[in-house]
Amino acid sequence: MDIPKNYINLWLANYESTHTIDSYRRCLQRILPYFPEDKTVETLTSIDLETAIMQWAKSCKPRPANTTFNATVVAWNSFYTFLFESKRVPEKVKCKKVRQIDGMPTREVPTLAEAKAIWKTLYAIDLDMFDHNTQRRIYEDRLLFALMFFAGLRCRELRGLKVQDIDRKRMQVHLPETITKGNKARTVQLPLGNELLEKILDNVIGNRVGTSPVFMPLNGDVRHVTSKTIVERVKNVLEASDVKTSYGPHDFRSYYTIQALEKGIPMSVVASQLGHTNINTTNRYHQLRNRQVVCGDPDLLNTVNGGNNEDNKKIA
């Protein structure tokens, strides 16, 4: 199905945020291949739209997060509301949201056993066997997973993180509005008093200061890594840990959220840490608590810190 470009441009002209415009444009483009070829903008029905979005969701590997699915639904509903109100289509086409659609793929969250397997893999490596660049990548992988497990950072926040954004004395991560979703700056508190996490930060950041990226390409380029690189590095560690490679950075954000809620942290505080403007977004993570994720979960860092791991002793 082809959509006249001027329809899209006129619709997006109602939005001021560059992030929203780019996101909505992607939401439209990702569904287009799933529409019947004989359909047009004027003849599309609500059932056609719902079917196309479901086909897209089921074809995604890993499955799309609920937020991504809902954003796609909202974008298409907004687009057709605009077309209907501007009298470009005869009827208002609308798709239901994820919780109202039967059969929506459910995104899984890493279990406690899988989380421990990841940490053990990251610390079962003899760093003396590798050159300097490989050692740096391993240290960065440890920090990458620490920030996903214990800060719930988004992929775009991880790739855009700078050395100056991490306060090692207060163990806080300051996320500027330029890298957050919704362009709202926030501060995330890391676990306090954990020597291993402090050593991870020391190994990765060292004496670097200022605007130097926390995660850099291995070729020595001073620019930030891409989101694709972040996802690939996560997948490589999962493969080495014999953990599902379908997990992505957002699944570990879900893990962090459920862990915080299980430990009794008020939902309003968790929402602030995650950067959720609507507490109902945070509340959705309760739906993922059916799997054994963090009930009675000890601090994962203690899985390494309290053991006899030789590599842990080497970096001490």
Protein backbone atom coordinates (compact mmCIF):
# COMPACT_ATOMS: atom_id res chain seq x y z
CA MET A 1 0.00 0.00 0.00
CA ASP A 2 1.32 3.39 -0.99
CA ILE A 3 0.72 6.48 1.13
CA PRO A 4 0.96 9.92 -0.51
CA LYS A 5 3.98 11.68 1.01
CA ASN A 6 2.10 14.93 1.39
CA TYR A 7 -0.40 13.14 3.67
CA ILE A 8 2.41 12.11 6.00
CA ASN A 9 4.12 15.50 5.93
CA LEU A 10 0.88 17.36 6.66
CA TRP A 11 0.13 15.01 9.55
CA LEU A 12 3.62 15.30 11.10
CA ALA A 13 3.47 19.10 10.81
CA ASN A 14 1.19 18.99 13.88
CA TYR A 15 4.11 17.84 16.05
CA GLU A 16 7.03 19.96 17.24
CA SER A 17 9.32 17.33 18.77
CA THR A 18 11.91 16.00 16.31
CA HIS A 19 12.03 12.73 18.27
CA THR A 20 8.24 12.28 17.95
CA ILE A 21 8.29 13.07 14.24
CA ASP A 22 11.10 10.61 13.51
CA SER A 23 9.53 7.94 15.72
CA TYR A 24 6.09 8.26 14.13
CA ARG A 25 7.55 8.19 10.64
CA ARG A 26 9.31 4.90 11.48
CA CYS A 27 6.09 3.54 13.00
CA LEU A 28 4.28 4.05 9.71
CA GLN A 29 7.07 2.64 7.57
CA ARG A 30 7.51 -0.58 9.56
CA ILE A 31 3.89 -1.65 8.96
CA LEU A 32 3.55 -0.84 5.25
CA PRO A 33 4.96 -4.19 3.98
CA TYR A 34 2.21 -6.07 5.85
CA PHE A 35 -0.79 -4.46 4.14
CA PRO A 36 -2.59 -6.23 1.24
CA GLU A 37 -1.30 -4.95 -2.09
CA ASP A 38 -4.78 -4.10 -3.34
CA LYS A 39 -5.49 -1.77 -0.40
CA THR A 40 -5.28 2.02 -0.54
CA VAL A 41 -5.34 4.66 2.17
CA GLU A 42 -9.02 5.25 1.42
CA THR A 43 -10.10 1.58 1.42
CA LEU A 44 -8.11 0.38 4.47
CA THR A 45 -10.27 -0.86 7.38
CA SER A 46 -9.64 -1.17 11.11
CA ILE A 47 -9.36 -4.95 10.72
CA ASP A 48 -6.74 -4.53 7.98
CA LEU A 49 -4.71 -2.22 10.20
CA GLU A 50 -4.96 -4.47 13.25
CA THR A 51 -4.01 -7.55 11.22
CA ALA A 52 -0.98 -5.83 9.65
CA ILE A 53 0.33 -4.63 13.00
CA MET A 54 -0.10 -8.09 14.53
CA GLN A 55 1.73 -9.71 11.61
CA TRP A 56 4.59 -7.26 12.06
CA ALA A 57 4.74 -7.90 15.83
CA LYS A 58 4.80 -11.68 15.41
CA SER A 59 7.53 -11.50 12.77
CA CYS A 60 9.90 -9.46 14.96
CA LYS A 61 12.83 -11.24 16.60
CA PRO A 62 13.16 -10.31 19.39
CA ARG A 63 9.54 -9.48 19.93
CA PRO A 64 8.77 -5.77 20.14
CA ALA A 65 8.46 -4.24 23.59
CA ASN A 66 4.96 -3.25 24.63
CA THR A 67 6.01 0.40 24.44
CA THR A 68 7.17 -0.02 20.83
CA PHE A 69 3.99 -1.89 19.91
CA ASN A 70 1.77 0.75 21.53
CA ALA A 71 3.72 3.61 19.94
CA THR A 72 3.09 2.02 16.55
CA VAL A 73 -0.63 1.72 17.30
CA VAL A 74 -0.81 5.31 18.54
CA ALA A 75 1.00 6.60 15.45
CA TRP A 76 -1.35 4.86 13.02
CA ASN A 77 -4.43 5.89 15.00
CA SER A 78 -3.21 9.49 15.03
CA PHE A 79 -2.49 9.37 11.29
CA TYR A 80 -5.96 8.11 10.42
CA THR A 81 -7.62 10.54 12.83
CA PHE A 82 -5.89 13.33 10.90
CA LEU A 83 -6.96 11.88 7.54
CA PHE A 84 -10.56 11.49 8.69
CA GLU A 85 -10.83 14.96 10.22
CA SER A 86 -9.30 16.49 7.09
CA LYS A 87 -11.84 14.53 5.00
CA ARG A 88 -9.20 12.56 3.10
CA VAL A 89 -10.69 9.17 4.05
CA PRO A 90 -14.38 8.20 4.36
CA GLU A 91 -14.15 6.55 7.79
CA LYS A 92 -11.99 6.68 10.90
CA VAL A 93 -9.69 3.66 11.06
CA LYS A 94 -8.53 2.65 14.54
CA CYS A 95 -6.49 -0.17 16.04
CA LYS A 96 -6.69 -1.41 19.62
CA LYS A 97 -3.75 -1.24 21.99
CA VAL A 98 -1.66 -4.21 23.05
CA ARG A 99 -3.59 -5.18 26.17
CA GLN A 100 -6.83 -5.31 24.19
CA ILE A 101 -5.54 -7.59 21.43
CA ASP A 102 -5.59 -11.35 21.93
CA GLY A 103 -2.45 -13.12 20.80
CA MET A 104 -0.01 -10.25 21.18
CA PRO A 105 3.44 -11.83 21.66
CA THR A 106 4.53 -11.55 25.29
CA ARG A 107 8.03 -10.32 25.86
CA GLU A 108 10.04 -12.41 28.29
CA VAL A 109 12.34 -11.17 31.02
CA PRO A 110 15.67 -12.80 31.98
CA THR A 111 15.37 -15.15 34.95
CA LEU A 112 17.58 -15.03 38.04
CA ALA A 113 19.48 -18.12 36.84
CA GLU A 114 20.12 -16.48 33.47
CA ALA A 115 21.26 -13.26 35.12
CA LYS A 116 23.76 -15.18 37.26
CA ALA A 117 25.01 -17.07 34.21
CA ILE A 118 25.74 -13.78 32.46
CA TRP A 119 27.74 -12.41 35.36
CA LYS A 120 29.70 -15.63 35.81
CA THR A 121 30.58 -15.60 32.11
CA LEU A 122 31.78 -12.00 32.27
CA TYR A 123 34.06 -12.86 35.20
CA ALA A 124 35.28 -16.28 34.08
CA ILE A 125 37.66 -14.69 31.61
CA ASP A 126 41.44 -14.66 32.05
CA LEU A 127 42.21 -11.14 30.83
CA ASP A 128 45.97 -11.86 30.57
CA MET A 129 45.21 -13.93 27.47
CA PHE A 130 44.05 -10.91 25.48
CA ASP A 131 45.50 -7.71 24.07
CA HIS A 132 44.68 -4.26 25.45
CA ASN A 133 41.73 -3.57 23.13
CA THR A 134 40.06 -6.87 23.94
CA GLN A 135 40.57 -6.30 27.66
CA ARG A 136 38.95 -2.89 27.31
CA ARG A 137 35.96 -4.42 25.51
CA ILE A 138 35.52 -6.99 28.29
CA TYR A 139 35.62 -4.28 30.94
CA GLU A 140 33.09 -2.26 28.93
CA ASP A 141 30.82 -5.32 28.60
CA ARG A 142 30.83 -5.65 32.38
CA LEU A 143 29.84 -2.01 32.77
CA LEU A 144 27.28 -2.32 29.98
CA PHE A 145 25.44 -5.11 31.77
CA ALA A 146 25.82 -3.40 35.15
CA LEU A 147 24.08 -0.29 33.81
CA MET A 148 21.30 -2.41 32.29
CA PHE A 149 20.78 -4.61 35.35
CA PHE A 150 21.16 -1.95 38.04
CA ALA A 151 20.14 1.31 36.35
CA GLY A 152 17.66 0.22 33.69
CA LEU A 153 19.18 2.45 31.01
CA ARG A 154 17.78 2.43 27.49
CA CYS A 155 19.98 1.48 24.54
CA ARG A 156 20.11 5.09 23.27
CA GLU A 157 21.13 6.25 26.76
CA LEU A 158 23.92 3.70 26.95
CA ARG A 159 25.38 4.62 23.57
CA GLY A 160 25.20 8.36 24.28
CA LEU A 161 26.69 8.21 27.77
CA LYS A 162 29.74 10.40 28.41
CA VAL A 163 32.39 10.16 31.12
CA GLN A 164 31.22 13.44 32.67
CA ASP A 165 27.72 11.96 33.09
CA ILE A 166 28.90 9.45 35.72
CA ASP A 167 29.51 10.69 39.27
CA ARG A 168 31.67 7.98 40.82
CA LYS A 169 31.67 9.58 44.28
CA ARG A 170 27.89 9.63 44.58
CA MET A 171 27.46 6.57 42.31
CA GLN A 172 24.99 8.41 40.11
CA VAL A 173 24.41 8.59 36.37
CA HIS A 174 23.24 11.98 35.08
CA LEU A 175 21.39 11.56 31.79
CA PRO A 176 21.17 14.80 29.77
CA GLU A 177 18.03 15.54 27.80
CA THR A 178 19.89 15.03 24.53
CA ILE A 179 20.04 11.24 24.99
CA THR A 180 16.81 10.48 26.87
CA LYS A 181 13.43 9.57 25.47
CA GLY A 182 11.14 12.57 25.68
CA ASN A 183 14.12 14.94 26.01
CA LYS A 184 13.89 15.08 29.82
CA ALA A 185 17.09 14.96 31.86
CA ARG A 186 17.17 12.68 34.89
CA THR A 187 19.56 11.24 37.49
CA VAL A 188 19.76 7.50 38.15
CA GLN A 189 21.15 6.14 41.42
CA LEU A 190 23.51 3.15 41.22
CA PRO A 191 23.95 0.66 44.10
CA LEU A 192 25.97 2.26 46.88
CA GLY A 193 28.88 0.67 48.72
CA ASN A 194 29.56 -2.09 46.18
CA GLU A 195 33.29 -2.36 45.63
CA LEU A 196 33.00 -4.49 42.52
CA LEU A 197 30.81 -1.93 40.72
CA GLU A 198 33.24 0.80 41.72
CA LYS A 199 36.11 -1.22 40.24
CA ILE A 200 34.18 -1.77 37.02
CA LEU A 201 33.78 2.00 36.68
CA ASP A 202 37.45 2.57 37.46
CA ASN A 203 38.56 0.02 34.86
CA VAL A 204 36.43 1.53 32.10
CA ILE A 205 36.70 5.25 32.86
CA GLY A 206 40.11 5.46 34.55
CA ASN A 207 41.43 9.00 34.38
CA ARG A 208 39.27 10.04 31.44
CA VAL A 209 37.23 13.21 31.89
CA GLY A 210 34.86 15.47 29.98
CA THR A 211 32.87 14.54 26.91
CA SER A 212 34.70 11.32 26.07
CA PRO A 213 32.15 8.52 25.37
CA VAL A 214 31.94 5.81 28.02
CA PHE A 215 31.56 3.13 25.34
CA MET A 216 33.85 3.62 22.35
CA PRO A 217 34.48 1.63 19.15
CA LEU A 218 37.45 -0.72 19.34
CA ASN A 219 39.15 1.03 16.42
CA GLY A 220 40.03 3.94 18.70
CA ASP A 221 37.44 6.27 17.19
CA VAL A 222 36.41 8.89 19.76
CA ARG A 223 32.80 8.88 18.59
CA HIS A 224 30.02 7.01 20.37
CA VAL A 225 29.23 3.43 19.47
CA THR A 226 25.99 2.82 17.56
CA SER A 227 22.84 1.24 18.98
CA LYS A 228 23.48 -1.70 16.65
CA THR A 229 26.88 -2.23 18.27
CA ILE A 230 25.32 -2.20 21.74
CA VAL A 231 22.79 -4.86 20.69
CA GLU A 232 25.49 -7.00 19.08
CA ARG A 233 27.68 -6.86 22.18
CA VAL A 234 24.74 -7.90 24.35
CA LYS A 235 24.03 -10.80 22.01
CA ASN A 236 27.68 -11.95 22.04
CA VAL A 237 27.69 -12.14 25.84
CA LEU A 238 24.37 -13.99 25.87
CA GLU A 239 25.72 -16.55 23.39
CA ALA A 240 28.80 -17.13 25.55
CA SER A 241 26.55 -17.54 28.60
CA ASP A 242 24.20 -20.04 26.91
CA VAL A 243 21.35 -17.59 27.54
CA LYS A 244 18.59 -16.77 25.04
CA THR A 245 19.99 -14.50 22.38
CA SER A 246 16.51 -13.05 21.79
CA TYR A 247 16.96 -10.83 24.84
CA GLY A 248 17.72 -7.20 24.06
CA PRO A 249 18.74 -4.19 26.19
CA HIS A 250 15.09 -3.36 26.94
CA ASP A 251 14.55 -6.79 28.52
CA PHE A 252 17.21 -6.00 31.10
CA ARG A 253 15.46 -2.68 31.70
CA SER A 254 12.38 -4.76 32.50
CA TYR A 255 14.48 -6.91 34.83
CA TYR A 256 15.69 -3.82 36.68
CA THR A 257 12.13 -2.49 37.02
CA ILE A 258 10.72 -5.72 38.42
CA GLN A 259 13.68 -6.09 40.78
CA ALA A 260 13.10 -2.61 42.17
CA LEU A 261 9.37 -3.18 42.61
CA GLU A 262 9.95 -6.57 44.28
CA LYS A 263 12.30 -4.93 46.76
CA GLY A 264 9.54 -2.57 47.83
CA ILE A 265 10.77 0.62 46.19
CA PRO A 266 7.75 2.91 45.62
CA MET A 267 6.50 2.83 42.04
CA SER A 268 6.76 6.62 41.80
CA VAL A 269 10.49 6.40 42.59
CA VAL A 270 11.02 3.59 40.07
CA ALA A 271 9.13 5.59 37.43
CA SER A 272 11.40 8.57 38.08
CA GLN A 273 14.51 6.40 37.77
CA LEU A 274 13.28 4.99 34.47
CA GLY A 275 12.21 8.33 33.07
CA HIS A 276 8.54 7.36 32.79
CA THR A 277 6.27 10.40 32.69
CA ASN A 278 3.21 8.19 33.19
CA ILE A 279 3.29 5.83 36.18
CA ASN A 280 0.95 3.46 34.31
CA THR A 281 3.88 2.67 32.01
CA THR A 282 5.85 1.44 35.03
CA ASN A 283 2.82 -0.42 36.33
CA ARG A 284 2.71 -2.57 33.17
CA TYR A 285 5.86 -4.36 34.30
CA HIS A 286 3.77 -6.10 36.96
CA GLN A 287 2.40 -8.21 34.12
CA LEU A 288 5.86 -9.73 33.65
CA ARG A 289 6.21 -10.97 37.22
CA ASN A 290 4.83 -14.43 36.46
CA ARG A 291 8.27 -15.72 35.59
CA GLN A 292 10.72 -16.19 38.46
CA VAL A 293 12.71 -13.03 38.02
CA VAL A 294 13.83 -11.49 41.28
CA CYS A 295 11.67 -12.86 44.09
CA GLY A 296 14.15 -13.20 46.95
CA ASP A 297 16.89 -12.15 44.55
CA PRO A 298 20.19 -11.32 46.24
CA ASP A 299 22.26 -8.54 44.75
CA LEU A 300 23.58 -10.03 41.54
CA LEU A 301 26.90 -8.30 41.98
CA ASN A 302 27.43 -10.39 45.09
CA THR A 303 27.24 -13.47 42.87
CA VAL A 304 30.67 -12.43 41.65
CA ASN A 305 31.90 -10.40 44.56
CA GLY A 306 31.35 -13.12 47.10
CA GLY A 307 32.84 -15.97 45.09
CA ASN A 308 36.33 -17.26 44.47
CA ASN A 309 36.57 -15.96 40.93
CA GLU A 310 40.22 -15.61 39.98
CA ASP A 311 39.58 -12.86 37.48
CA ASN A 312 37.76 -10.89 40.14
CA LYS A 313 40.94 -11.05 42.25
CA LYS A 314 43.05 -9.86 39.34
CA ILE A 315 41.14 -6.60 38.92
CA ALA A 316 40.85 -5.98 42.66
